């Protein structure tokens, strides 16, 4: 999924210690994905008060949306760098195409994981021959650590994810790992087969009405819970409303979840990052210059070079030049599949141009101390 903000902020993100006891509640903001008839998502990461939870740096929550009368999800080909995208559905289906040749339909309980690394492009859209009437789920990004930011782009689809269902609780790990769950009779840690580059966890938790569940967690990790649906959900005794994200700092061995009605939550977490990243539009970089160079490469590749692009490329001495202060060689030295972001095959539409860069560097955004 793309960040379709027309004027996205540049954010310098670094994880800092959060509150040690209280649940920090992050409310979503609504973001339209495209034009007037496009679907709207509820975004809880990033925001000014908190940019990262472990390596998780982006969380969009959408649906349930009726896709029988409208276009559903329609995200044209667009680029990514320095991150992994995670598509996880509760209902419906999404068709994925990317520049490494992948074409894959994802359904509930299945994971689509795309590693951008040094550069990839992809599209996501509701299938033309839809077999379902609604679309409902989450789209997330994880920031790659600096040492892995330039890995080769790749795509994975997994339908063999660990899941357990006991006494009114269903727990499924889609990325990373959770420790053993004594309350569910699980004696070994639950680990997804998907590729990860940092200590991380992503999981879905379904609770029957009236359930109280003690979730075992890694005390060295920070965690956050998104309530997709549910009445009177509490996280360690604090209420958490639907669509909100509740953050818990490291230091806990367990988290108690309760609900009066049926509830569904998404857990994201991981070891707090010690690295700064710069996020803008669909790019994650290690510096402002890396992000500017990525935008220039994309605009040139799709034939939409503007003044920002030409000035950047002139500074880099592209093609094959050196990028800004980082001294990194520009990977955009060709067109089509030979270009940095490759070409998406299977989407009927033009690629998405990048927004105009901000006039100034924005102040770093840091998690609260």
Protein backbone atom coordinates (compact mmCIF):
# COMPACT_ATOMS: atom_id res chain seq x y z
CA UNK A 1 0.00 0.00 0.00
CA UNK A 2 1.14 3.51 -0.76
CA UNK A 3 1.16 6.59 1.39
CA UNK A 4 -1.03 8.75 -0.85
CA UNK A 5 -0.74 11.98 1.14
CA UNK A 6 -0.36 14.83 -1.36
CA UNK A 7 2.05 16.67 0.94
CA UNK A 8 3.69 14.07 3.20
CA UNK A 9 5.92 15.26 5.99
CA UNK A 10 9.52 14.13 6.19
CA UNK A 11 10.09 12.43 9.52
CA UNK A 12 13.31 11.59 11.28
CA UNK A 13 12.27 8.68 13.48
CA UNK A 14 14.08 7.23 16.46
CA UNK A 15 12.70 5.02 19.20
CA UNK A 16 13.05 6.41 22.70
CA UNK A 17 11.83 5.00 26.01
CA UNK A 18 8.08 5.31 26.50
CA UNK A 19 5.96 5.45 29.64
CA UNK A 20 6.78 2.56 31.96
CA UNK A 21 3.31 1.70 33.32
CA UNK A 22 0.40 3.46 31.66
CA UNK A 23 -1.18 2.48 28.36
CA UNK A 24 -0.45 5.22 25.83
CA UNK A 25 -3.47 5.57 23.50
CA UNK A 26 -2.84 6.69 19.91
CA UNK A 27 -5.94 7.78 18.01
CA UNK A 28 -6.13 7.34 14.23
CA UNK A 29 -6.45 9.94 11.52
CA UNK A 30 -8.39 9.28 8.32
CA UNK A 31 -6.44 9.25 5.05
CA UNK A 32 -8.10 8.78 1.62
CA UNK A 33 -6.35 6.37 -0.74
CA UNK A 34 -6.82 8.15 -4.06
CA UNK A 35 -9.68 10.21 -5.48
CA UNK A 36 -13.21 11.06 -4.40
CA UNK A 37 -14.50 7.47 -4.59
CA UNK A 38 -11.42 5.90 -3.06
CA UNK A 39 -11.46 3.97 0.19
CA UNK A 40 -10.37 5.68 3.40
CA UNK A 41 -7.93 4.20 5.90
CA UNK A 42 -7.39 4.92 9.58
CA UNK A 43 -3.70 5.59 10.26
CA UNK A 44 -2.22 5.18 13.75
CA UNK A 45 1.50 5.05 12.82
CA UNK A 46 3.45 7.21 12.35
CA UNK A 47 2.26 10.24 14.27
CA UNK A 48 3.79 13.12 16.17
CA UNK A 49 3.66 11.45 19.57
CA UNK A 50 5.14 8.12 18.44
CA UNK A 51 6.86 7.12 15.21
CA UNK A 52 7.98 3.55 15.89
CA UNK A 53 6.98 0.44 17.82
CA UNK A 54 9.99 -1.81 17.51
CA UNK A 55 10.65 -1.76 13.76
CA UNK A 56 6.98 -1.09 12.93
CA UNK A 57 6.78 2.39 11.38
CA UNK A 58 3.43 2.48 9.55
CA UNK A 59 -0.03 1.09 10.32
CA UNK A 60 -3.14 1.61 8.18
CA UNK A 61 -6.46 0.04 9.24
CA UNK A 62 -9.27 -0.21 6.67
CA UNK A 63 -12.81 -1.52 6.37
CA UNK A 64 -15.01 -3.29 6.49
CA UNK A 65 -15.78 -1.58 3.15
CA UNK A 66 -18.39 -2.64 0.61
CA UNK A 67 -16.54 -3.35 -2.65
CA UNK A 68 -19.55 -4.40 -4.70
CA UNK A 69 -20.49 -0.89 -5.90
CA UNK A 70 -17.19 0.99 -5.84
CA UNK A 71 -13.62 0.42 -7.00
CA UNK A 72 -12.45 -0.99 -3.68
CA UNK A 73 -8.70 -0.74 -3.22
CA UNK A 74 -6.93 0.79 -6.21
CA UNK A 75 -3.27 1.64 -5.53
CA UNK A 76 -1.27 2.12 -8.76
CA UNK A 77 2.39 1.10 -9.15
CA UNK A 78 4.55 3.03 -6.71
CA UNK A 79 8.04 2.66 -5.21
CA UNK A 80 9.45 1.68 -1.83
CA UNK A 81 12.90 1.63 -0.25
CA UNK A 82 14.33 0.53 3.08
CA UNK A 83 11.26 -1.28 4.42
CA UNK A 84 9.04 -4.36 4.37
CA UNK A 85 5.32 -4.11 3.61
CA UNK A 86 2.90 -6.43 5.41
CA UNK A 87 -0.61 -7.07 4.12
CA UNK A 88 -2.96 -8.82 6.56
CA UNK A 89 -6.70 -9.22 5.92
CA UNK A 90 -9.71 -9.98 8.10
CA UNK A 91 -12.06 -10.11 5.11
CA UNK A 92 -11.95 -9.87 1.31
CA UNK A 93 -8.99 -10.23 -1.01
CA UNK A 94 -6.28 -8.05 -2.59
CA UNK A 95 -4.33 -8.67 -5.78
CA UNK A 96 -0.62 -7.85 -5.59
CA UNK A 97 1.81 -7.29 -8.51
CA UNK A 98 5.43 -6.18 -8.17
CA UNK A 99 8.63 -5.52 -10.09
CA UNK A 100 10.30 -8.80 -9.08
CA UNK A 101 7.63 -10.67 -11.07
CA UNK A 102 5.20 -11.57 -8.28
CA UNK A 103 1.45 -11.85 -8.88
CA UNK A 104 -0.42 -13.01 -5.81
CA UNK A 105 -3.90 -12.91 -4.31
CA UNK A 106 -3.94 -12.57 -0.52
CA UNK A 107 -6.89 -13.65 1.63
CA UNK A 108 -7.65 -13.66 5.38
CA UNK A 109 -5.18 -15.67 7.43
CA UNK A 110 -2.50 -15.39 4.74
CA UNK A 111 0.53 -13.10 4.72
CA UNK A 112 1.87 -11.02 1.86
CA UNK A 113 5.35 -9.76 2.77
CA UNK A 114 7.35 -7.58 0.39
CA UNK A 115 10.93 -6.55 1.12
CA UNK A 116 11.81 -3.30 -0.64
CA UNK A 117 15.49 -3.16 0.27
CA UNK A 118 17.36 -0.98 -2.23
CA UNK A 119 14.20 -0.46 -4.31
CA UNK A 120 11.01 -2.12 -5.56
CA UNK A 121 7.68 -1.05 -7.03
CA UNK A 122 4.27 -2.71 -6.70
CA UNK A 123 0.53 -2.26 -7.08
CA UNK A 124 -2.38 -3.47 -4.98
CA UNK A 125 -6.01 -3.56 -6.04
CA UNK A 126 -9.31 -5.32 -5.48
CA UNK A 127 -9.69 -8.09 -8.08
CA UNK A 128 -11.97 -7.46 -11.06
CA UNK A 129 -13.66 -10.84 -10.53
CA UNK A 130 -14.30 -10.40 -6.81
CA UNK A 131 -15.60 -13.38 -4.89
CA UNK A 132 -16.26 -11.36 -1.71
CA UNK A 133 -18.34 -8.27 -0.95
CA UNK A 134 -16.18 -6.54 1.66
CA UNK A 135 -12.55 -5.55 2.21
CA UNK A 136 -11.20 -5.37 5.73
CA UNK A 137 -7.71 -5.51 7.18
CA UNK A 138 -4.45 -3.76 7.98
CA UNK A 139 -1.42 -2.68 5.99
CA UNK A 140 1.84 -2.23 7.88
CA UNK A 141 5.47 -1.36 7.22
CA UNK A 142 8.58 -2.37 9.13
CA UNK A 143 11.76 -0.31 8.80
CA UNK A 144 14.79 -2.34 7.79
CA UNK A 145 17.84 -1.88 10.03
CA UNK A 146 20.65 0.12 8.46
CA UNK A 147 22.76 -2.99 7.83
CA UNK A 148 19.93 -4.52 5.75
CA UNK A 149 18.54 -1.41 4.07
CA UNK A 150 20.17 -2.26 0.74
CA UNK A 151 19.17 -5.93 0.48
CA UNK A 152 17.77 -7.26 -2.78
CA UNK A 153 14.02 -6.75 -3.23
CA UNK A 154 11.89 -9.84 -2.63
CA UNK A 155 8.33 -11.08 -2.11
CA UNK A 156 6.89 -13.86 0.05
CA UNK A 157 3.41 -15.33 0.48
CA UNK A 158 2.67 -17.54 3.49
CA UNK A 159 -0.44 -19.54 4.34
CA UNK A 160 1.28 -21.84 6.86
CA UNK A 161 1.34 -19.51 9.84
CA UNK A 162 1.33 -20.72 13.46
CA UNK A 163 -2.09 -20.55 15.11
CA UNK A 164 -3.67 -21.87 18.32
CA UNK A 165 -7.29 -21.77 19.48
CA UNK A 166 -8.14 -22.60 23.09
CA UNK A 167 -10.86 -21.56 25.56
CA UNK A 168 -12.26 -18.58 23.69
CA UNK A 169 -8.89 -17.33 22.38
CA UNK A 170 -7.49 -17.61 18.88
CA UNK A 171 -3.88 -16.45 18.44
CA UNK A 172 -2.09 -16.37 15.07
CA UNK A 173 1.45 -15.05 14.56
CA UNK A 174 1.99 -13.64 11.07
CA UNK A 175 5.46 -12.09 11.48
CA UNK A 176 8.30 -12.65 13.92
CA UNK A 177 7.71 -14.61 17.12
CA UNK A 178 5.95 -14.72 20.48
CA UNK A 179 7.27 -16.64 23.49
CA UNK A 180 5.57 -19.83 24.71
CA UNK A 181 1.99 -19.27 25.84
CA UNK A 182 1.31 -21.25 29.05
CA UNK A 183 -2.28 -20.00 29.19
CA UNK A 184 -2.96 -21.68 25.85
CA UNK A 185 -0.92 -24.82 26.49
CA UNK A 186 1.80 -23.77 24.02
CA UNK A 187 5.19 -24.82 25.40
CA UNK A 188 7.38 -23.56 22.54
CA UNK A 189 7.57 -20.11 21.04
CA UNK A 190 5.25 -19.34 18.13
CA UNK A 191 7.30 -18.23 15.12
CA UNK A 192 6.25 -17.19 11.63
CA UNK A 193 8.26 -18.65 8.72
CA UNK A 194 8.42 -15.22 7.04
CA UNK A 195 11.75 -13.42 6.67
CA UNK A 196 12.55 -10.75 9.25
CA UNK A 197 15.56 -8.49 9.80
CA UNK A 198 15.04 -7.53 13.45
CA UNK A 199 13.45 -8.88 16.63
CA UNK A 200 9.79 -8.30 15.90
CA UNK A 201 6.29 -9.68 16.32
CA UNK A 202 2.98 -9.25 14.51
CA UNK A 203 -0.08 -11.27 15.54
CA UNK A 204 -3.87 -11.40 15.41
CA UNK A 205 -5.80 -12.09 18.63
CA UNK A 206 -9.49 -13.04 18.57
CA UNK A 207 -11.42 -13.18 21.85
CA UNK A 208 -14.85 -14.65 22.54
CA UNK A 209 -17.33 -12.63 24.65
CA UNK A 210 -16.38 -12.45 28.30
CA UNK A 211 -12.82 -13.69 27.76
CA UNK A 212 -9.87 -12.80 29.97
CA UNK A 213 -6.56 -13.78 28.38
CA UNK A 214 -3.02 -13.45 29.72
CA UNK A 215 -0.61 -13.04 26.78
CA UNK A 216 3.04 -13.86 27.43
CA UNK A 217 5.41 -11.30 25.85
CA UNK A 218 9.13 -10.59 25.69
CA UNK A 219 9.98 -8.12 28.50
CA UNK A 220 12.71 -6.51 26.36
CA UNK A 221 10.22 -5.58 23.65
CA UNK A 222 7.74 -2.74 23.36
CA UNK A 223 4.24 -3.62 22.17
CA UNK A 224 1.10 -1.99 20.81
CA UNK A 225 -2.43 -3.34 20.37
CA UNK A 226 -4.83 -2.17 17.67
CA UNK A 227 -8.50 -2.87 18.41
CA UNK A 228 -10.16 -3.83 15.15
CA UNK A 229 -13.50 -4.60 16.80
CA UNK A 230 -14.85 -5.28 20.26
CA UNK A 231 -16.91 -3.97 23.15
CA UNK A 232 -15.23 -2.74 26.32
CA UNK A 233 -11.78 -4.09 25.52
CA UNK A 234 -9.11 -3.54 28.18
CA UNK A 235 -5.34 -3.89 27.93
CA UNK A 236 -3.70 -4.39 31.33
CA UNK A 237 -6.77 -2.87 32.92
CA UNK A 238 -6.96 0.23 30.71
CA UNK A 239 -9.83 0.63 28.24
CA UNK A 240 -8.97 0.72 24.54
CA UNK A 241 -11.62 1.74 22.00
CA UNK A 242 -12.03 0.37 18.50
CA UNK A 243 -9.60 1.77 15.88
CA UNK A 244 -7.20 3.03 18.58
CA UNK A 245 -3.65 1.79 19.14
CA UNK A 246 -2.52 1.18 22.72
CA UNK A 247 1.24 1.31 23.37
CA UNK A 248 3.05 -0.47 26.22
CA UNK A 249 6.72 0.12 27.02
CA UNK A 250 9.20 -2.72 27.63
CA UNK A 251 9.37 -4.36 31.04
CA UNK A 252 6.36 -6.70 30.99
CA UNK A 253 6.41 -10.48 30.91
CA UNK A 254 2.66 -10.63 30.24
CA UNK A 255 -0.29 -8.49 29.17
CA UNK A 256 -3.86 -9.15 30.33
CA UNK A 257 -6.59 -8.64 27.72
CA UNK A 258 -10.32 -8.63 28.52
CA UNK A 259 -13.52 -8.01 26.58
CA UNK A 260 -17.24 -8.15 27.28
CA UNK A 261 -18.15 -8.87 23.63
CA UNK A 262 -16.41 -10.57 20.76
CA UNK A 263 -13.16 -8.77 19.95
CA UNK A 264 -10.35 -8.79 17.42
CA UNK A 265 -6.94 -7.15 18.07
CA UNK A 266 -3.69 -6.83 16.16
CA UNK A 267 -0.45 -6.95 18.14
CA UNK A 268 2.72 -5.29 16.87
CA UNK A 269 5.97 -5.16 18.82
CA UNK A 270 9.68 -5.67 18.91
CA UNK A 271 12.97 -4.60 20.41
CA UNK A 272 13.13 -0.78 20.49
CA UNK A 273 15.30 0.51 17.68
CA UNK A 274 18.47 2.48 18.39
CA UNK A 275 18.75 3.78 14.81
CA UNK A 276 17.36 6.92 13.24
CA UNK A 277 15.42 6.63 10.00
CA UNK A 278 14.00 9.26 7.68
CA UNK A 279 10.52 8.56 6.29
CA UNK A 280 8.88 10.48 3.47
CA UNK A 281 6.07 9.32 1.17
CA UNK A 282 6.86 5.64 0.43
CA UNK A 283 10.57 5.80 1.19
CA UNK A 284 12.54 4.90 4.30
CA UNK A 285 16.16 6.06 4.29
CA UNK A 286 19.07 6.63 6.60
CA UNK A 287 19.34 10.31 5.68
CA UNK A 288 17.49 13.15 4.00
CA UNK A 289 19.77 12.80 0.97
CA UNK A 290 18.90 9.12 0.51
CA UNK A 291 15.20 9.91 0.40
CA UNK A 292 15.69 12.80 -2.02
CA UNK A 293 17.77 10.56 -4.30
CA UNK A 294 15.12 7.82 -4.22
CA UNK A 295 12.43 10.29 -5.28
CA UNK A 296 14.60 11.55 -8.12
CA UNK A 297 15.27 8.00 -9.33
CA UNK A 298 11.55 7.19 -9.36
CA UNK A 299 10.49 10.38 -11.11
CA UNK A 300 13.11 9.91 -13.80
CA UNK A 301 12.20 6.25 -14.24
CA UNK A 302 8.50 7.00 -14.90
CA UNK A 303 9.26 9.95 -17.18
CA UNK A 304 8.01 12.58 -14.74
CA UNK A 305 11.25 14.39 -13.95
CA UNK A 306 10.51 17.82 -12.46
CA UNK A 307 12.73 20.60 -11.17
CA UNK A 308 13.39 18.76 -7.90
CA UNK A 309 14.37 15.66 -9.86
CA UNK A 310 16.68 17.48 -12.26
CA UNK A 311 18.37 19.44 -9.48
CA UNK A 312 18.90 16.26 -7.48
CA UNK A 313 20.25 14.31 -10.44
CA UNK A 314 22.56 17.20 -11.30
CA UNK A 315 23.87 17.18 -7.73
CA UNK A 316 24.38 13.43 -7.89
CA UNK A 317 25.96 13.59 -11.33
CA UNK A 318 23.58 10.76 -12.31
CA UNK A 319 23.61 8.23 -13.81
CA UNK A 320 26.13 6.28 -11.74
CA UNK A 321 26.89 9.28 -9.54
CA UNK A 322 27.50 9.52 -5.86
CA UNK A 323 24.62 10.48 -3.57
CA UNK A 324 24.97 13.54 -1.39
CA UNK A 325 26.68 13.29 1.95
CA UNK A 326 26.31 9.52 2.20
CA UNK A 327 28.61 8.75 -0.72
CA UNK A 328 26.24 6.04 -1.95
CA UNK A 329 26.20 5.25 -5.63
CA UNK A 330 22.88 5.98 -7.30
CA UNK A 331 21.35 2.63 -8.32
CA UNK A 332 19.23 4.17 -11.07
CA UNK A 333 21.28 3.59 -14.20
CA UNK A 334 18.70 2.20 -16.62
CA UNK A 335 15.06 1.94 -17.54
CA UNK A 336 12.37 -0.71 -17.15
CA UNK A 337 13.50 -3.85 -15.31
CA UNK A 338 17.09 -2.53 -15.29
CA UNK A 339 16.09 0.61 -13.40
CA UNK A 340 16.21 0.89 -9.62
CA UNK A 341 12.52 0.15 -9.05
CA UNK A 342 11.87 -2.22 -11.94
CA UNK A 343 8.52 -2.44 -13.74
CA UNK A 344 5.18 -3.73 -12.47
CA UNK A 345 3.39 -6.04 -14.89
CA UNK A 346 -0.30 -6.82 -14.42
CA UNK A 347 -1.78 -3.47 -13.40
CA UNK A 348 -3.86 -1.56 -15.95
CA UNK A 349 -2.88 2.02 -15.20
CA UNK A 350 -0.08 4.54 -14.97
CA UNK A 351 2.43 4.56 -12.11
CA UNK A 352 1.98 6.99 -9.25
CA UNK A 353 4.21 10.10 -9.36
CA UNK A 354 5.86 11.27 -6.16
CA UNK A 355 4.56 14.38 -4.38
CA UNK A 356 6.60 17.58 -4.37
CA UNK A 357 9.36 17.61 -1.78
CA UNK A 358 8.99 19.94 1.21
CA UNK A 359 10.82 23.25 0.92
CA UNK A 360 12.74 22.74 4.14
CA UNK A 361 13.89 19.92 6.33
CA UNK A 362 11.32 19.38 9.03
CA UNK A 363 12.36 19.06 12.66
CA UNK A 364 13.05 15.49 13.79
CA UNK A 365 10.11 13.67 15.32
CA UNK A 366 11.04 11.58 18.31
CA UNK A 367 9.12 9.22 20.52
CA UNK A 368 8.49 10.68 23.97
CA UNK A 369 11.05 10.08 26.68
